């Protein structure tokens, strides 16, 4: 018998005959206050900025030009296969395709990655990726130093975490991003880029 099996066996013996746990109340607030879509987008932008992400606004006519500006210092850019082709039409960076055989060392040599998202949460300033066609595999957004994430406004913006959970599929690989990777573990000094991208640019597409 493995250690895991022994532990679970002890738990079963200790809880045998115990009453069922009471139901968990679900009467908490789903959202704090009422907002228009424009107000939700502004709140999302404000929280992302607090987390030291850089927020940009554009529409479909301007996204190729904006992405070219954001990638002007990048020699290479990785894009998942479902990313709209015209988004990167104006960039001079060499496009790297999402190769499942790529190692972390290969990805570390990529300057930037551009993805879409599943949705964004205004009250927490959080981007959620679920590995969709325009987002790709989780590791392509964790290894390169610069991540550009495009959020369609207002369709992909929700106000709260409960609203987000209602729209997300829990069986998919969910990545929750609130600003660039950062830690203050050592003497409370903030260090960015330890567990993911050092720089995060968020494009609110449709918000002007």
C-alpha atoms as a PDB file:
ATOM      1  CA  UNK A   1       0.000   0.000   0.000  1.00  0.00           C
ATOM      2  CA  UNK A   2       1.344   3.424  -0.940  1.00  0.00           C
ATOM      3  CA  UNK A   3       1.689   6.327   1.480  1.00  0.00           C
ATOM      4  CA  UNK A   4      -1.195   8.061  -0.288  1.00  0.00           C
ATOM      5  CA  UNK A   5      -3.456   5.033   0.169  1.00  0.00           C
ATOM      6  CA  UNK A   6      -2.557   4.767   3.872  1.00  0.00           C
ATOM      7  CA  UNK A   7      -3.375   8.418   4.477  1.00  0.00           C
ATOM      8  CA  UNK A   8      -6.701   8.195   2.653  1.00  0.00           C
ATOM      9  CA  UNK A   9      -7.556   5.014   4.534  1.00  0.00           C
ATOM     10  CA  UNK A  10      -6.968   6.737   7.879  1.00  0.00           C
ATOM     11  CA  UNK A  11      -9.122   9.658   6.815  1.00  0.00           C
ATOM     12  CA  UNK A  12     -11.967   7.313   5.838  1.00  0.00           C
ATOM     13  CA  UNK A  13     -11.791   5.517   9.186  1.00  0.00           C
ATOM     14  CA  UNK A  14     -11.703   8.784  11.116  1.00  0.00           C
ATOM     15  CA  UNK A  15     -14.700  10.223   9.283  1.00  0.00           C
ATOM     16  CA  UNK A  16     -16.823   7.065   9.165  1.00  0.00           C
ATOM     17  CA  UNK A  17     -20.323   7.819  10.426  1.00  0.00           C
ATOM     18  CA  UNK A  18     -19.745  11.579  10.465  1.00  0.00           C
ATOM     19  CA  UNK A  19     -22.724  13.706   9.342  1.00  0.00           C
ATOM     20  CA  UNK A  20     -22.685  15.171   5.859  1.00  0.00           C
ATOM     21  CA  UNK A  21     -21.211  18.629   5.546  1.00  0.00           C
ATOM     22  CA  UNK A  22     -23.810  21.412   5.456  1.00  0.00           C
ATOM     23  CA  UNK A  23     -24.455  23.014   2.062  1.00  0.00           C
ATOM     24  CA  UNK A  24     -22.192  25.920   1.172  1.00  0.00           C
ATOM     25  CA  UNK A  25     -24.160  29.184   0.970  1.00  0.00           C
ATOM     26  CA  UNK A  26     -24.000  30.807  -2.459  1.00  0.00           C
ATOM     27  CA  UNK A  27     -25.782  34.061  -1.607  1.00  0.00           C
ATOM     28  CA  UNK A  28     -22.681  36.249  -1.886  1.00  0.00           C
ATOM     29  CA  UNK A  29     -22.646  39.276  -4.164  1.00  0.00           C
ATOM     30  CA  UNK A  30     -21.989  38.443  -7.816  1.00  0.00           C
ATOM     31  CA  UNK A  31     -20.902  42.017  -8.528  1.00  0.00           C
ATOM     32  CA  UNK A  32     -20.221  45.129  -6.465  1.00  0.00           C
ATOM     33  CA  UNK A  33     -22.463  47.843  -7.872  1.00  0.00           C
ATOM     34  CA  UNK A  34     -23.844  48.442 -11.333  1.00  0.00           C
ATOM     35  CA  UNK A  35     -21.632  49.535 -14.216  1.00  0.00           C
ATOM     36  CA  UNK A  36     -21.984  50.312 -17.862  1.00  0.00           C
ATOM     37  CA  UNK A  37     -19.667  48.439 -20.259  1.00  0.00           C
ATOM     38  CA  UNK A  38     -17.571  51.600 -20.623  1.00  0.00           C
ATOM     39  CA  UNK A  39     -17.223  51.893 -16.832  1.00  0.00           C
ATOM     40  CA  UNK A  40     -16.177  48.238 -16.575  1.00  0.00           C
ATOM     41  CA  UNK A  41     -13.497  48.772 -19.230  1.00  0.00           C
ATOM     42  CA  UNK A  42     -12.182  51.822 -17.364  1.00  0.00           C
ATOM     43  CA  UNK A  43     -12.073  49.882 -14.083  1.00  0.00           C
ATOM     44  CA  UNK A  44     -10.206  47.033 -15.770  1.00  0.00           C
ATOM     45  CA  UNK A  45      -7.686  49.483 -17.221  1.00  0.00           C
ATOM     46  CA  UNK A  46      -7.206  51.194 -13.857  1.00  0.00           C
ATOM     47  CA  UNK A  47      -6.465  47.938 -12.034  1.00  0.00           C
ATOM     48  CA  UNK A  48      -4.148  46.672 -14.762  1.00  0.00           C
ATOM     49  CA  UNK A  49      -2.220  49.937 -14.545  1.00  0.00           C
ATOM     50  CA  UNK A  50      -1.937  49.562 -10.770  1.00  0.00           C
ATOM     51  CA  UNK A  51      -0.306  46.193 -11.388  1.00  0.00           C
ATOM     52  CA  UNK A  52       2.238  47.909 -13.708  1.00  0.00           C
ATOM     53  CA  UNK A  53       0.789  46.578 -16.923  1.00  0.00           C
ATOM     54  CA  UNK A  54       0.598  49.041 -19.804  1.00  0.00           C
ATOM     55  CA  UNK A  55      -2.899  49.518 -21.219  1.00  0.00           C
ATOM     56  CA  UNK A  56      -3.645  50.631 -24.786  1.00  0.00           C
ATOM     57  CA  UNK A  57      -6.913  51.259 -26.609  1.00  0.00           C
ATOM     58  CA  UNK A  58      -7.614  50.814 -30.294  1.00  0.00           C
ATOM     59  CA  UNK A  59     -10.095  49.436 -32.809  1.00  0.00           C
ATOM     60  CA  UNK A  60      -9.818  46.920 -35.642  1.00  0.00           C
ATOM     61  CA  UNK A  61      -8.554  49.596 -38.013  1.00  0.00           C
ATOM     62  CA  UNK A  62      -5.701  50.524 -35.693  1.00  0.00           C
ATOM     63  CA  UNK A  63      -4.669  47.255 -34.094  1.00  0.00           C
ATOM     64  CA  UNK A  64      -2.030  46.293 -36.680  1.00  0.00           C
ATOM     65  CA  UNK A  65      -0.353  49.685 -36.333  1.00  0.00           C
ATOM     66  CA  UNK A  66      -0.492  49.550 -32.513  1.00  0.00           C
ATOM     67  CA  UNK A  67       0.945  46.047 -32.329  1.00  0.00           C
ATOM     68  CA  UNK A  68       3.743  47.090 -34.692  1.00  0.00           C
ATOM     69  CA  UNK A  69       4.598  49.881 -32.246  1.00  0.00           C
ATOM     70  CA  UNK A  70       4.512  47.573 -29.221  1.00  0.00           C
ATOM     71  CA  UNK A  71       6.759  45.076 -31.015  1.00  0.00           C
ATOM     72  CA  UNK A  72       9.159  47.630 -32.506  1.00  0.00           C
ATOM     73  CA  UNK A  73      11.999  46.506 -30.217  1.00  0.00           C
ATOM     74  CA  UNK A  74      11.332  42.796 -30.756  1.00  0.00           C
ATOM     75  CA  UNK A  75      13.258  40.733 -33.270  1.00  0.00           C
ATOM     76  CA  UNK A  76      10.935  37.743 -32.913  1.00  0.00           C
ATOM     77  CA  UNK A  77       7.283  37.368 -31.962  1.00  0.00           C
ATOM     78  CA  UNK A  78       5.385  34.181 -31.209  1.00  0.00           C
ATOM     79  CA  UNK A  79       1.704  33.993 -32.126  1.00  0.00           C
ATOM     80  CA  UNK A  80      -0.747  31.097 -31.637  1.00  0.00           C
ATOM     81  CA  UNK A  81      -2.323  29.688 -34.808  1.00  0.00           C
ATOM     82  CA  UNK A  82      -5.764  31.191 -34.173  1.00  0.00           C
ATOM     83  CA  UNK A  83      -4.573  34.772 -33.858  1.00  0.00           C
ATOM     84  CA  UNK A  84      -6.108  36.929 -36.627  1.00  0.00           C
ATOM     85  CA  UNK A  85      -3.482  37.218 -39.350  1.00  0.00           C
ATOM     86  CA  UNK A  86      -3.924  40.936 -40.009  1.00  0.00           C
ATOM     87  CA  UNK A  87      -3.053  41.817 -36.406  1.00  0.00           C
ATOM     88  CA  UNK A  88       0.669  41.256 -37.077  1.00  0.00           C
ATOM     89  CA  UNK A  89       0.648  42.408 -40.691  1.00  0.00           C
ATOM     90  CA  UNK A  90       2.589  45.612 -39.948  1.00  0.00           C
ATOM     91  CA  UNK A  91       5.256  44.286 -37.593  1.00  0.00           C
ATOM     92  CA  UNK A  92       8.814  43.776 -38.799  1.00  0.00           C
ATOM     93  CA  UNK A  93       9.515  41.116 -36.160  1.00  0.00           C
ATOM     94  CA  UNK A  94      10.057  37.588 -37.430  1.00  0.00           C
ATOM     95  CA  UNK A  95       7.003  35.492 -36.626  1.00  0.00           C
ATOM     96  CA  UNK A  96       7.643  32.289 -34.662  1.00  0.00           C
ATOM     97  CA  UNK A  97       4.930  29.639 -34.795  1.00  0.00           C
ATOM     98  CA  UNK A  98       3.795  27.743 -31.722  1.00  0.00           C
ATOM     99  CA  UNK A  99       5.758  24.511 -32.077  1.00  0.00           C
ATOM    100  CA  UNK A 100       4.762  21.818 -29.538  1.00  0.00           C
ATOM    101  CA  UNK A 101       8.300  20.463 -29.744  1.00  0.00           C
ATOM    102  CA  UNK A 102       9.840  23.784 -28.672  1.00  0.00           C
ATOM    103  CA  UNK A 103      11.770  23.571 -25.412  1.00  0.00           C
ATOM    104  CA  UNK A 104      11.721  26.233 -22.671  1.00  0.00           C
ATOM    105  CA  UNK A 105      15.145  27.291 -23.958  1.00  0.00           C
ATOM    106  CA  UNK A 106      13.669  27.829 -27.429  1.00  0.00           C
ATOM    107  CA  UNK A 107      10.847  29.918 -25.984  1.00  0.00           C
ATOM    108  CA  UNK A 108      13.277  31.922 -23.867  1.00  0.00           C
ATOM    109  CA  UNK A 109      14.915  33.131 -27.082  1.00  0.00           C
ATOM    110  CA  UNK A 110      11.590  34.584 -28.288  1.00  0.00           C
ATOM    111  CA  UNK A 111      11.333  38.315 -27.568  1.00  0.00           C
ATOM    112  CA  UNK A 112       7.532  38.703 -27.426  1.00  0.00           C
ATOM    113  CA  UNK A 113       4.283  36.759 -27.585  1.00  0.00           C
ATOM    114  CA  UNK A 114       0.903  38.112 -28.715  1.00  0.00           C
ATOM    115  CA  UNK A 115      -2.332  36.388 -27.674  1.00  0.00           C
ATOM    116  CA  UNK A 116      -6.017  36.934 -27.238  1.00  0.00           C
ATOM    117  CA  UNK A 117      -7.782  35.934 -24.017  1.00  0.00           C
ATOM    118  CA  UNK A 118     -10.860  34.077 -22.801  1.00  0.00           C
ATOM    119  CA  UNK A 119     -12.056  37.054 -20.748  1.00  0.00           C
ATOM    120  CA  UNK A 120     -10.940  39.814 -18.379  1.00  0.00           C
ATOM    121  CA  UNK A 121     -12.249  40.687 -14.909  1.00  0.00           C
ATOM    122  CA  UNK A 122     -12.736  44.391 -14.194  1.00  0.00           C
ATOM    123  CA  UNK A 123     -12.902  44.262 -10.386  1.00  0.00           C
ATOM    124  CA  UNK A 124      -9.596  42.414 -10.049  1.00  0.00           C
ATOM    125  CA  UNK A 125      -7.732  43.545 -13.166  1.00  0.00           C
ATOM    126  CA  UNK A 126      -7.274  39.917 -14.200  1.00  0.00           C
ATOM    127  CA  UNK A 127      -6.827  38.375 -17.638  1.00  0.00           C
ATOM    128  CA  UNK A 128      -7.893  34.754 -18.044  1.00  0.00           C
ATOM    129  CA  UNK A 129      -6.506  32.520 -20.796  1.00  0.00           C
ATOM    130  CA  UNK A 130      -7.968  29.079 -21.481  1.00  0.00           C
ATOM    131  CA  UNK A 131      -5.723  27.748 -24.240  1.00  0.00           C
ATOM    132  CA  UNK A 132      -8.112  28.721 -27.040  1.00  0.00           C
ATOM    133  CA  UNK A 133      -6.926  28.985 -30.676  1.00  0.00           C
ATOM    134  CA  UNK A 134      -5.936  32.658 -30.276  1.00  0.00           C
ATOM    135  CA  UNK A 135      -4.133  31.991 -26.968  1.00  0.00           C
ATOM    136  CA  UNK A 136      -2.132  28.835 -27.543  1.00  0.00           C
ATOM    137  CA  UNK A 137      -0.488  26.629 -24.964  1.00  0.00           C
ATOM    138  CA  UNK A 138       0.072  27.938 -21.447  1.00  0.00           C
ATOM    139  CA  UNK A 139       3.858  27.942 -21.578  1.00  0.00           C
ATOM    140  CA  UNK A 140       4.120  30.355 -24.500  1.00  0.00           C
ATOM    141  CA  UNK A 141       2.781  33.099 -22.197  1.00  0.00           C
ATOM    142  CA  UNK A 142       5.013  32.132 -19.262  1.00  0.00           C
ATOM    143  CA  UNK A 143       8.494  31.947 -20.804  1.00  0.00           C
ATOM    144  CA  UNK A 144       8.992  34.896 -23.233  1.00  0.00           C
ATOM    145  CA  UNK A 145       9.839  38.160 -21.472  1.00  0.00           C
ATOM    146  CA  UNK A 146       7.116  40.280 -23.116  1.00  0.00           C
ATOM    147  CA  UNK A 147       3.420  39.395 -23.403  1.00  0.00           C
ATOM    148  CA  UNK A 148       0.902  41.415 -25.418  1.00  0.00           C
ATOM    149  CA  UNK A 149      -2.668  40.365 -24.632  1.00  0.00           C
ATOM    150  CA  UNK A 150      -5.643  41.600 -26.657  1.00  0.00           C
ATOM    151  CA  UNK A 151      -9.036  41.904 -24.911  1.00  0.00           C
ATOM    152  CA  UNK A 152     -12.161  42.448 -26.987  1.00  0.00           C
ATOM    153  CA  UNK A 153     -14.243  45.161 -25.316  1.00  0.00           C
ATOM    154  CA  UNK A 154     -16.992  44.882 -24.177  1.00  0.00           C
ATOM    155  CA  UNK A 155     -17.614  41.233 -25.155  1.00  0.00           C
ATOM    156  CA  UNK A 156     -14.760  39.731 -23.135  1.00  0.00           C
ATOM    157  CA  UNK A 157     -14.993  41.947 -20.046  1.00  0.00           C
ATOM    158  CA  UNK A 158     -16.938  40.835 -16.965  1.00  0.00           C
ATOM    159  CA  UNK A 159     -17.234  42.720 -13.694  1.00  0.00           C
ATOM    160  CA  UNK A 160     -16.465  40.037 -11.108  1.00  0.00           C
ATOM    161  CA  UNK A 161     -14.873  36.651 -10.438  1.00  0.00           C
ATOM    162  CA  UNK A 162     -18.280  34.926  -9.967  1.00  0.00           C
ATOM    163  CA  UNK A 163     -19.358  36.197 -13.382  1.00  0.00           C
ATOM    164  CA  UNK A 164     -16.086  34.936 -14.869  1.00  0.00           C
ATOM    165  CA  UNK A 165     -16.483  31.458 -13.394  1.00  0.00           C
ATOM    166  CA  UNK A 166     -19.927  31.167 -14.945  1.00  0.00           C
ATOM    167  CA  UNK A 167     -18.416  31.693 -18.408  1.00  0.00           C
ATOM    168  CA  UNK A 168     -15.256  29.584 -18.048  1.00  0.00           C
ATOM    169  CA  UNK A 169     -14.891  25.866 -18.662  1.00  0.00           C
ATOM    170  CA  UNK A 170     -13.143  24.371 -15.573  1.00  0.00           C
ATOM    171  CA  UNK A 171     -11.826  21.453 -17.628  1.00  0.00           C
ATOM    172  CA  UNK A 172      -9.668  23.767 -19.755  1.00  0.00           C
ATOM    173  CA  UNK A 173      -6.128  24.908 -18.765  1.00  0.00           C
ATOM    174  CA  UNK A 174      -6.914  28.257 -17.164  1.00  0.00           C
ATOM    175  CA  UNK A 175      -4.165  30.851 -16.636  1.00  0.00           C
ATOM    176  CA  UNK A 176      -5.079  33.870 -14.491  1.00  0.00           C
ATOM    177  CA  UNK A 177      -2.864  36.916 -15.041  1.00  0.00           C
ATOM    178  CA  UNK A 178      -2.919  40.071 -12.928  1.00  0.00           C
ATOM    179  CA  UNK A 179      -0.073  42.234 -14.214  1.00  0.00           C
ATOM    180  CA  UNK A 180       3.512  41.251 -15.063  1.00  0.00           C
ATOM    181  CA  UNK A 181       5.075  38.411 -13.113  1.00  0.00           C
ATOM    182  CA  UNK A 182       6.362  39.762  -9.791  1.00  0.00           C
ATOM    183  CA  UNK A 183       7.415  38.629  -6.334  1.00  0.00           C
ATOM    184  CA  UNK A 184       8.460  40.374  -3.113  1.00  0.00           C
ATOM    185  CA  UNK A 185       9.630  37.245  -1.311  1.00  0.00           C
ATOM    186  CA  UNK A 186      13.131  38.520  -0.569  1.00  0.00           C
ATOM    187  CA  UNK A 187      13.149  41.405   1.950  1.00  0.00           C
ATOM    188  CA  UNK A 188       9.919  42.726   0.390  1.00  0.00           C
ATOM    189  CA  UNK A 189      11.820  44.019  -2.643  1.00  0.00           C
ATOM    190  CA  UNK A 190       9.655  43.718  -5.767  1.00  0.00           C
ATOM    191  CA  UNK A 191      11.320  41.713  -8.526  1.00  0.00           C
ATOM    192  CA  UNK A 192       9.559  41.326 -11.871  1.00  0.00           C
ATOM    193  CA  UNK A 193       9.927  38.532 -14.398  1.00  0.00           C
ATOM    194  CA  UNK A 194      10.687  35.705 -11.975  1.00  0.00           C
ATOM    195  CA  UNK A 195       7.712  33.466 -12.758  1.00  0.00           C
ATOM    196  CA  UNK A 196       6.655  34.803 -16.154  1.00  0.00           C
ATOM    197  CA  UNK A 197       6.848  37.833 -18.453  1.00  0.00           C
ATOM    198  CA  UNK A 198       8.621  40.907 -17.142  1.00  0.00           C
ATOM    199  CA  UNK A 199       6.484  43.205 -19.312  1.00  0.00           C
ATOM    200  CA  UNK A 200       2.745  43.009 -19.991  1.00  0.00           C
ATOM    201  CA  UNK A 201       0.945  45.152 -22.572  1.00  0.00           C
ATOM    202  CA  UNK A 202      -2.850  44.886 -22.667  1.00  0.00           C
ATOM    203  CA  UNK A 203      -4.742  46.069 -25.729  1.00  0.00           C
ATOM    204  CA  UNK A 204      -8.422  46.906 -25.219  1.00  0.00           C
ATOM    205  CA  UNK A 205      -9.776  46.290 -28.691  1.00  0.00           C
ATOM    206  CA  UNK A 206     -12.873  48.318 -29.442  1.00  0.00           C
ATOM    207  CA  UNK A 207     -12.460  50.718 -26.518  1.00  0.00           C
ATOM    208  CA  UNK A 208     -11.877  54.291 -27.602  1.00  0.00           C
END
